Protein backbone atom coordinates (compact mmCIF):
# COMPACT_ATOMS: atom_id res chain seq x y z
CA MET A 1 0.00 0.00 0.00
CA LYS A 2 2.83 2.39 0.94
CA ASN A 3 4.61 1.65 -2.36
CA LYS A 4 1.45 2.43 -4.35
CA LEU A 5 1.00 5.69 -2.46
CA TRP A 6 4.64 6.65 -3.07
CA ILE A 7 4.32 5.90 -6.82
CA PHE A 8 1.12 7.97 -7.00
CA CYS A 9 2.78 10.97 -5.31
CA CYS A 10 5.79 10.79 -7.59
CA THR A 11 3.57 10.59 -10.65
CA PHE A 12 1.55 13.59 -9.45
CA VAL A 13 4.70 15.68 -8.93
CA VAL A 14 5.97 14.77 -12.40
CA MET A 15 2.63 15.83 -13.90
CA LEU A 16 2.77 19.16 -12.11
CA PHE A 17 6.32 19.74 -13.35
CA ALA A 18 5.29 18.92 -16.90
CA MET A 19 2.37 21.32 -16.72
CA GLY A 20 4.59 24.04 -15.33
CA ALA A 21 7.00 23.61 -18.19
CA THR A 22 4.36 24.50 -20.77
CA GLU A 23 1.94 26.77 -18.92
CA VAL A 24 2.53 30.46 -18.29
CA ASN A 25 0.78 32.12 -15.38
CA ALA A 26 0.40 35.51 -17.03
CA ALA A 27 1.65 37.28 -20.12
CA LYS A 28 4.58 39.56 -19.47
CA ALA A 29 4.14 43.31 -18.94
CA ASP A 30 5.63 45.81 -21.40
CA ASP A 31 8.89 46.14 -19.46
CA GLU A 32 9.47 42.38 -19.32
CA TRP A 33 10.39 41.98 -22.99
CA ASN A 34 13.74 42.10 -24.72
CA TYR A 35 13.07 44.62 -27.48
CA GLU A 36 16.58 44.19 -28.79
CA SER A 37 15.97 40.53 -29.56
CA GLU A 38 14.67 39.48 -32.93
CA VAL A 39 13.18 36.13 -33.92
CA LYS A 40 12.13 35.47 -37.49
CA VAL A 41 10.53 32.15 -38.43
CA THR A 42 8.90 31.18 -41.75
CA MET A 43 6.14 28.58 -41.78
CA GLY A 44 4.35 27.92 -45.06
CA GLY A 45 3.19 31.22 -46.54
CA PHE A 46 3.87 33.25 -43.38
CA THR A 47 6.94 34.76 -41.75
CA TYR A 48 6.61 35.55 -38.05
CA ASN A 49 8.59 38.43 -36.57
CA ALA A 50 8.81 38.29 -32.79
CA ILE A 51 10.65 39.30 -29.63
CA THR A 52 11.25 37.19 -26.53
CA SER A 53 10.57 37.86 -22.87
CA LEU A 54 13.53 38.65 -20.62
CA ASP A 55 13.22 35.27 -18.93
CA GLU A 56 13.23 33.53 -22.37
CA LYS A 57 9.98 31.68 -21.63
CA GLU A 58 7.49 33.65 -23.72
CA ILE A 59 7.41 35.14 -27.20
CA TRP A 60 5.51 38.07 -28.65
CA ILE A 61 4.61 37.94 -32.37
CA TYR A 62 4.42 41.57 -33.39
CA GLU A 63 4.26 41.18 -37.16
CA ILE A 64 3.34 38.54 -39.71
CA ASN A 65 4.51 38.90 -43.30
CA VAL A 66 2.35 37.15 -45.89
CA ASN A 67 3.93 35.61 -48.97
CA THR A 68 1.14 36.32 -51.44
CA LYS A 69 2.82 34.13 -54.08
CA ASN A 70 2.36 31.12 -51.83
CA ASN A 71 -0.96 29.38 -52.40
CA ASP A 72 -1.01 28.31 -48.77
CA CYS A 73 -1.79 31.71 -47.27
CA GLN A 74 -5.59 31.83 -47.06
CA GLU A 75 -5.66 30.16 -43.65
CA LEU A 76 -3.50 31.59 -40.89
CA ASN A 77 -2.92 29.31 -37.91
CA ILE A 78 -0.81 31.33 -35.50
CA PRO A 79 1.47 28.84 -33.68
CA LYS A 80 1.31 28.38 -29.92
CA MET A 81 5.08 27.78 -29.78
CA LEU A 82 7.74 29.70 -31.67
CA ASP A 83 11.49 29.29 -31.15
CA ASN A 84 10.60 26.84 -28.33
CA LYS A 85 8.79 29.61 -26.44
CA ILE A 86 5.11 30.07 -25.67
CA VAL A 87 3.24 32.66 -27.74
CA THR A 88 1.37 34.83 -25.22
CA ARG A 89 1.07 38.15 -27.04
CA ILE A 90 0.35 39.22 -30.61
CA GLY A 91 0.18 42.56 -32.40
CA TYR A 92 2.32 45.61 -32.89
CA THR A 93 4.87 47.05 -30.49
CA VAL A 94 5.77 50.73 -30.73
CA LYS A 95 9.49 49.97 -30.45
CA LYS A 96 9.36 47.79 -33.55
CA SER A 97 6.76 49.79 -35.49
CA PRO A 98 7.47 50.69 -39.12
CA CYS A 99 4.96 53.56 -38.90
CA GLU A 100 5.44 57.21 -38.11
CA GLU A 101 5.57 58.09 -34.43
CA GLY A 102 2.10 58.20 -32.89
CA TYR A 103 0.56 55.72 -35.36
CA ASN A 104 -0.39 52.13 -34.63
CA HIS A 105 0.05 49.33 -37.14
CA THR A 106 -1.60 46.00 -37.80
CA ILE A 107 0.01 42.62 -37.31
CA PHE A 108 0.35 42.46 -41.10
CA GLY A 109 2.42 45.66 -41.30
CA GLY A 110 -0.25 48.12 -42.41
CA CYS A 111 0.12 51.53 -40.80
CA GLU A 112 -2.84 53.41 -39.38
CA GLU A 113 -2.54 56.06 -42.06
CA ASN A 114 -2.19 53.51 -44.88
CA LEU A 115 -3.90 50.19 -44.20
CA TYR A 116 -4.83 49.06 -47.65
CA GLY A 117 -2.91 46.85 -50.01
CA VAL A 118 -0.89 45.48 -47.10
CA GLY A 119 -0.62 41.84 -46.17
CA ALA A 120 -3.93 40.43 -45.03
CA GLY A 121 -6.01 40.63 -48.18
CA ALA A 122 -5.91 36.91 -49.05
CA ILE A 123 -6.50 35.57 -45.53
CA THR A 124 -10.03 34.24 -45.00
CA ASN A 125 -9.54 32.31 -41.74
CA ILE A 126 -7.41 33.10 -38.69
CA THR A 127 -6.86 30.79 -35.70
CA ILE A 128 -5.42 32.35 -32.55
CA PRO A 129 -3.80 29.82 -30.17
CA GLU A 130 -5.21 29.42 -26.66
CA THR A 131 -1.85 30.44 -25.18
CA VAL A 132 -2.44 34.08 -26.25
CA GLU A 133 -3.46 36.44 -23.46
CA ILE A 134 -2.88 39.88 -25.00
CA ILE A 135 -3.94 41.13 -28.44
CA GLN A 136 -2.64 44.61 -29.24
CA PRO A 137 -4.81 47.46 -30.64
CA MET A 138 -5.49 47.31 -34.40
CA THR A 139 -3.96 43.84 -34.65
CA PHE A 140 -6.37 42.50 -37.30
CA CYS A 141 -7.58 45.85 -38.61
CA ALA A 142 -8.28 45.81 -42.37
CA ALA A 143 -8.10 42.01 -42.61
CA TYR A 144 -11.12 42.48 -44.82
CA ALA A 145 -11.44 38.90 -46.13
CA ILE A 146 -11.79 37.06 -42.80
CA THR A 147 -15.31 35.83 -42.03
CA SER A 148 -15.09 34.45 -38.49
CA ILE A 149 -12.75 34.37 -35.51
CA THR A 150 -12.61 32.94 -31.99
CA ILE A 151 -10.89 34.91 -29.23
CA PRO A 152 -8.85 32.62 -26.91
CA PRO A 153 -10.22 32.13 -23.37
CA LYS A 154 -7.22 33.80 -21.67
CA VAL A 155 -7.77 37.12 -23.46
CA LYS A 156 -9.37 39.59 -21.04
CA ILE A 157 -9.24 42.76 -23.16
CA ILE A 158 -10.11 43.43 -26.78
CA GLU A 159 -8.32 46.67 -27.54
CA GLU A 160 -9.45 49.59 -29.70
CA GLU A 161 -9.85 48.87 -33.42
CA THR A 162 -8.64 45.28 -33.03
CA PHE A 163 -11.05 44.15 -35.76
CA GLY A 164 -11.77 47.51 -37.40
CA GLU A 165 -12.49 47.45 -41.13
CA CYS A 166 -12.93 43.68 -41.28
CA TRP A 167 -15.67 44.17 -43.83
CA ASN A 168 -16.57 40.51 -44.30
CA LEU A 169 -16.37 39.45 -40.66
CA LYS A 170 -19.64 37.72 -39.79
CA THR A 171 -19.01 35.77 -36.58
CA VAL A 172 -16.91 36.44 -33.47
CA ASN A 173 -16.80 34.15 -30.43
CA LEU A 174 -15.87 36.12 -27.32
CA PRO A 175 -14.17 34.55 -24.26
CA SER A 176 -16.35 34.08 -21.18
CA ASP A 177 -13.93 35.98 -18.92
CA LEU A 178 -13.72 39.05 -21.18
CA LYS A 179 -13.39 42.22 -19.08
CA LYS A 180 -13.05 45.03 -21.63
CA ILE A 181 -14.00 45.81 -25.22
CA GLY A 182 -12.21 48.90 -26.53
CA LYS A 183 -14.00 51.57 -28.52
CA LYS A 184 -14.23 50.93 -32.25
CA ALA A 185 -13.02 47.35 -31.66
CA PHE A 186 -15.50 46.18 -34.32
CA ALA A 187 -15.95 49.42 -36.23
CA GLU A 188 -16.66 49.13 -39.94
CA CYS A 189 -17.71 45.49 -39.72
CA PRO A 190 -21.11 45.82 -41.46
CA LYS A 191 -21.65 42.04 -41.76
CA LEU A 192 -20.92 41.18 -38.12
CA LYS A 193 -24.31 39.87 -37.04
CA ASN A 194 -23.17 37.09 -34.71
CA LEU A 195 -21.28 38.05 -31.58
CA SER A 196 -21.41 35.18 -29.09
CA LEU A 197 -20.75 35.61 -25.38
CA SER A 198 -21.39 33.28 -22.45
CA ALA A 199 -24.28 34.29 -20.19
CA LYS A 200 -21.84 33.73 -17.31
CA ASN A 201 -19.72 36.73 -18.33
CA LYS A 202 -19.63 39.16 -15.40
CA THR A 203 -18.84 42.29 -17.42
CA TYR A 204 -21.03 42.23 -20.53
CA LYS A 205 -24.29 40.89 -21.84
CA ILE A 206 -25.80 40.82 -25.32
CA LYS A 207 -29.49 41.66 -25.59
CA ASP A 208 -31.53 42.52 -28.68
CA LYS A 209 -28.39 42.94 -30.82
CA CYS A 210 -26.90 45.30 -28.23
CA VAL A 211 -23.65 44.72 -26.33
CA ILE A 212 -24.19 46.17 -22.85
CA ARG A 213 -21.72 46.67 -20.03
CA LYS A 214 -23.42 45.49 -16.86
CA LYS A 215 -21.73 47.73 -14.29
CA ASP A 216 -22.90 51.10 -15.62
CA LYS A 217 -25.55 49.84 -18.08
CA ALA A 218 -23.69 51.34 -21.02
CA LEU A 219 -24.51 50.40 -24.60
CA LEU A 220 -21.13 49.71 -26.12
CA TYR A 221 -21.90 48.33 -29.53
CA VAL A 222 -24.89 47.57 -31.76
CA LEU A 223 -24.83 44.66 -34.19
CA PRO A 224 -26.09 45.23 -37.74
CA LYS A 225 -29.83 44.59 -37.93
CA LYS A 226 -32.43 45.44 -40.55
CA GLY A 227 -35.75 47.02 -39.64
CA THR A 228 -36.41 48.54 -36.23
CA LEU A 229 -33.92 48.47 -33.37
CA LYS A 230 -35.19 49.21 -29.88
CA ILE A 231 -32.47 49.93 -27.37
CA PRO A 232 -33.29 47.75 -24.32
CA ASP A 233 -34.96 49.43 -21.36
CA GLY A 234 -32.48 50.01 -18.57
CA VAL A 235 -29.62 51.22 -20.78
CA LYS A 236 -28.30 54.47 -19.26
CA ILE A 237 -25.33 55.39 -21.47
CA ILE A 238 -24.81 55.18 -25.23
CA GLU A 239 -21.07 55.20 -25.89
CA GLU A 240 -19.11 56.91 -28.64
CA TYR A 241 -19.55 55.22 -32.04
CA ALA A 242 -21.87 52.58 -30.56
CA PHE A 243 -23.96 52.71 -33.75
CA CYS A 244 -21.07 52.90 -36.21
CA ASN A 245 -22.21 49.67 -37.96
CA CYS A 246 -25.94 50.22 -37.64
CA THR A 247 -28.08 49.12 -40.58
CA SER A 248 -31.48 49.63 -38.94
CA SER A 249 -33.99 51.95 -40.59
CA GLU A 250 -35.55 52.98 -37.28
CA ILE A 251 -34.03 53.34 -33.81
CA HIS A 252 -35.84 53.96 -30.53
CA ILE A 253 -34.12 55.37 -27.44
CA PRO A 254 -35.76 54.43 -24.11
CA ALA A 255 -36.56 56.68 -21.14
CA SER A 256 -33.70 55.15 -19.14
CA VAL A 257 -30.94 56.78 -21.25
CA ILE A 258 -29.33 59.68 -19.36
CA HIS A 259 -26.15 60.24 -21.40
CA ILE A 260 -25.36 59.97 -25.12
CA GLU A 261 -21.64 60.31 -25.81
CA ASP A 262 -20.15 62.37 -28.64
CA TYR A 263 -20.61 60.83 -32.12
CA ALA A 264 -22.57 57.90 -30.61
CA PHE A 265 -24.62 57.44 -33.79
CA GLU A 266 -21.91 58.55 -36.19
CA PRO A 267 -20.62 56.08 -38.80
CA LEU A 268 -16.85 56.08 -39.19
CA GLU A 269 -17.26 55.54 -42.92
CA GLN A 270 -20.42 57.28 -44.11
CA GLN A 271 -20.74 55.09 -47.20
CA LEU A 272 -21.11 51.95 -45.08
CA TYR A 273 -24.71 52.80 -44.26
CA TYR A 274 -27.29 55.47 -44.89
CA ASP A 275 -30.44 53.56 -44.00
CA VAL A 276 -31.42 55.27 -40.72
CA LYS A 277 -34.66 57.03 -41.63
CA ASN A 278 -35.96 57.81 -38.18
CA ILE A 279 -34.71 58.02 -34.59
CA THR A 280 -37.14 58.49 -31.73
CA VAL A 281 -36.88 59.00 -27.97
CA SER A 282 -39.38 57.92 -25.33
CA LYS A 283 -41.60 60.82 -24.26
CA LYS A 284 -40.75 59.86 -20.68
CA ASN A 285 -37.04 60.55 -21.19
CA LYS A 286 -36.05 63.47 -18.94
CA ILE A 287 -32.80 64.37 -20.71
CA TYR A 288 -33.41 63.99 -24.44
CA GLY A 289 -36.24 65.09 -26.69
CA ASN A 290 -37.39 64.28 -30.21
CA ASP A 291 -38.35 67.08 -32.60
CA GLY A 292 -38.70 66.46 -36.31
CA GLN A 293 -35.40 65.19 -37.71
CA CYS A 294 -33.47 65.88 -34.51
CA ILE A 295 -32.68 64.51 -31.08
CA TYR A 296 -31.73 67.33 -28.72
CA ASN A 297 -30.67 67.75 -25.10
CA LYS A 298 -33.53 69.32 -23.17
CA LYS A 299 -31.28 70.87 -20.55
CA ASN A 300 -28.55 72.59 -22.57
CA LYS A 301 -30.49 72.84 -25.85
CA THR A 302 -27.72 71.21 -27.91
CA LEU A 303 -28.17 69.11 -31.03
CA VAL A 304 -27.35 65.45 -30.34
CA ILE A 305 -28.46 63.59 -33.48
CA ALA A 306 -29.50 64.91 -36.90
CA VAL A 307 -31.22 62.70 -39.48
CA VAL A 308 -30.98 63.76 -43.13
CA ASP A 309 -34.16 62.95 -45.07
CA ASP A 310 -34.33 61.00 -48.34
CA LYS A 311 -34.18 64.20 -50.38
CA GLY A 312 -30.96 65.31 -48.73
CA ASN A 313 -32.56 67.96 -46.53
CA LEU A 314 -31.97 68.64 -42.85
CA VAL A 315 -34.13 70.95 -40.74
CA VAL A 316 -32.54 71.54 -37.34
CA SER A 317 -35.07 71.70 -34.51
CA ASP A 318 -36.18 75.10 -33.16
CA LYS A 319 -35.40 73.65 -29.72
CA VAL A 320 -31.66 73.80 -30.52
CA LYS A 321 -29.82 76.90 -29.27
CA TYR A 322 -26.25 75.63 -29.44
CA LEU A 323 -24.62 73.63 -32.24
CA LYS A 324 -21.63 71.72 -30.79
CA ASN A 325 -19.04 69.90 -32.90
CA THR A 326 -19.96 66.49 -31.61
CA TYR A 327 -23.51 65.82 -32.82
CA SER A 328 -24.12 62.70 -34.90
CA ILE A 329 -25.34 63.14 -38.47
CA VAL A 330 -26.91 60.06 -40.07
CA ASN A 331 -28.47 58.99 -43.36
CA TYR A 332 -25.90 61.08 -45.16
CA ASN A 333 -23.03 60.20 -47.47
CA PRO A 334 -20.68 63.18 -47.98
CA TYR A 335 -18.87 61.31 -50.77
CA LEU A 336 -22.03 61.46 -52.87
CA ASP A 337 -22.85 65.12 -52.12
CA GLU A 338 -26.26 64.13 -50.79
CA LEU A 339 -26.76 67.13 -48.50
CA LYS A 340 -28.96 69.52 -50.45
CA LYS A 341 -30.43 71.91 -47.93
CA VAL A 342 -29.84 72.71 -44.25
CA VAL A 343 -32.16 74.95 -42.26
CA LEU A 344 -30.78 76.35 -39.00
CA PRO A 345 -33.25 77.46 -36.30
CA GLU A 346 -34.26 80.99 -35.44
CA GLY A 347 -33.12 80.71 -31.84
CA LEU A 348 -29.62 79.43 -32.63
CA LYS A 349 -27.24 81.47 -30.45
CA LYS A 350 -23.87 79.76 -30.73
CA ILE A 351 -22.05 77.45 -33.16
CA GLU A 352 -18.75 75.66 -32.73
CA ALA A 353 -16.57 76.06 -35.82
CA TYR A 354 -16.34 72.41 -36.85
CA SER A 355 -20.10 71.87 -36.44
CA LEU A 356 -20.73 74.38 -39.21
CA GLU A 357 -17.88 73.06 -41.33
CA ARG A 358 -19.60 69.66 -41.36
CA LEU A 359 -22.58 71.26 -43.10
CA CYS A 360 -20.54 73.20 -45.65
CA ALA A 361 -21.10 70.53 -48.29
CA ALA A 362 -24.79 71.45 -48.43
CA ASP A 363 -25.96 73.15 -51.61
CA LYS A 364 -27.93 75.66 -49.57
CA VAL A 365 -27.78 76.70 -45.89
CA TYR A 366 -30.63 78.76 -44.45
CA PHE A 367 -30.28 80.88 -41.30
CA LYS A 368 -33.69 81.67 -39.83
CA GLY A 369 -32.41 83.90 -37.04
CA GLU A 370 -32.29 87.65 -37.63
CA ILE A 371 -29.21 87.93 -35.45
CA PRO A 372 -26.22 85.86 -36.68
CA PRO A 373 -25.02 83.26 -34.15
CA THR A 374 -21.67 83.54 -32.41
CA ILE A 375 -19.00 81.16 -33.74
CA LYS A 376 -16.79 79.51 -31.16
CA LYS A 377 -13.38 78.39 -32.43
CA LYS A 378 -10.14 77.17 -30.93
CA LYS A 379 -7.35 79.68 -30.47
CA GLY A 380 -5.56 80.01 -33.78
CA GLY A 381 -8.17 77.87 -35.52
CA SER A 382 -9.98 78.75 -38.71
CA VAL A 383 -13.65 78.93 -39.66
CA SER A 384 -15.16 77.44 -42.82
CA LEU A 385 -18.53 78.81 -43.78
CA PRO A 386 -20.94 77.53 -46.45
CA CYS A 387 -20.73 79.00 -49.95
CA HIS A 388 -24.46 79.45 -50.62
CA VAL A 389 -26.17 81.06 -47.65
CA TYR A 390 -29.74 82.29 -47.35
CA VAL A 391 -30.65 84.82 -44.65
CA PRO A 392 -33.72 86.89 -43.69
CA LYS A 393 -34.09 89.91 -45.99
CA ASN A 394 -33.93 92.48 -43.21
CA SER A 395 -30.74 90.85 -41.80
CA TYR A 396 -28.62 90.96 -44.94
CA ASN A 397 -26.22 93.62 -43.69
CA ALA A 398 -25.78 91.92 -40.32
CA TYR A 399 -24.84 88.61 -41.98
CA LYS A 400 -22.57 90.37 -44.48
CA LYS A 401 -20.60 91.87 -41.59
CA TRP A 402 -20.65 88.48 -39.83
CA TYR A 403 -19.15 86.80 -42.88
CA LYS A 404 -16.37 89.35 -43.17
CA LYS A 405 -15.46 88.70 -39.55
CA TYR A 406 -15.30 84.92 -39.71
CA ASN A 407 -14.67 84.12 -43.36
CA LYS A 408 -11.51 85.92 -44.43
CA ASN A 409 -10.12 83.22 -46.72
CA ASN A 410 -13.14 81.84 -48.58
CA LYS A 411 -13.90 84.04 -51.62
CA CYS A 412 -16.73 81.89 -53.05
CA VAL A 413 -19.42 82.95 -50.56
CA THR A 414 -22.68 84.17 -52.02
CA LEU A 415 -25.27 85.68 -49.69
CA TYR A 416 -28.93 85.44 -50.69
CA THR A 417 -32.08 86.71 -48.99
CA TYR A 418 -35.48 85.10 -48.66
């Protein structure tokens, strides 16, 4: 009996040792890597560029070069071991970046300012090994051919723009222990209709095509959906660019919403969608109101969302007194010059410079107020005013003086009266 017990204990210790030899407790922090090291390994149609941890146990794949002449480069299976070290981190590192300072780059070498025509175009399937714990920002950005991906269970954070511009991405399986999804992580993924997440996840839940953070009841991301989308009751915050992939024709905001972040309904690429015909707010909402084509803040009288109609016209609500830079404009494609007419309200008192610049593409801009609004600009900043402006007949001289004050460089301005 004693011999059997001794054999069992020895076997157990050996098993623990074996597990310890291959498992890593946690991926190394930024200062635990040897940035001077360089590992380059070619497997099939891919060359992996990596650095090793200071203790020589882990490896960080920061770039993958794709040999487009190799027929075996449609499926990318990132290895779990490279140079006899465990792969725990993937994606760019600033110290090895080929981009200009301040710009991120993808794992395929595309820089933030020039993503296209680089690397990932032929890849349709990517497998990330379960050893990976950290995926850097923008890692798979512009991998526009991939259709599905599974995030390894050890990954706790999906950084900003990790899957941005993956135009054909349809399915993403999220890890059950996920703790953070960065803003714009799935921006410009208009086909991403399936985002799976365990109901046991303590940080997020998915309800009615909406990804919601449980702690503060913030709507982080909306999946593409045709028809009407009703934001679930109980949502309090709508985050920046939450609707950047929205394909719904109608959206309803519940009474529970108390804060809509800047550009919450703004598409990053206007041409990706222009189907939002109508946005409404519950009449019981104490912060936001619905008037015509606009959602406005009842307390500070600012424009929050503007919906361009099918004819390319936008009438800003008379409830709006202040036009800030950060309103969302939807159902509008500036690349197609679809903005025909903008009507600004009589009670408009103040405009931030960029907010007016966004409307400069309109064929005609009408000011209903007899007194021109004040333009707020940054120190040293410029002001761009529309070229074809219509003002009340008895206010022509006031607007002419206003234009001379703010529009010193643009010579194409024509002032009309109505």
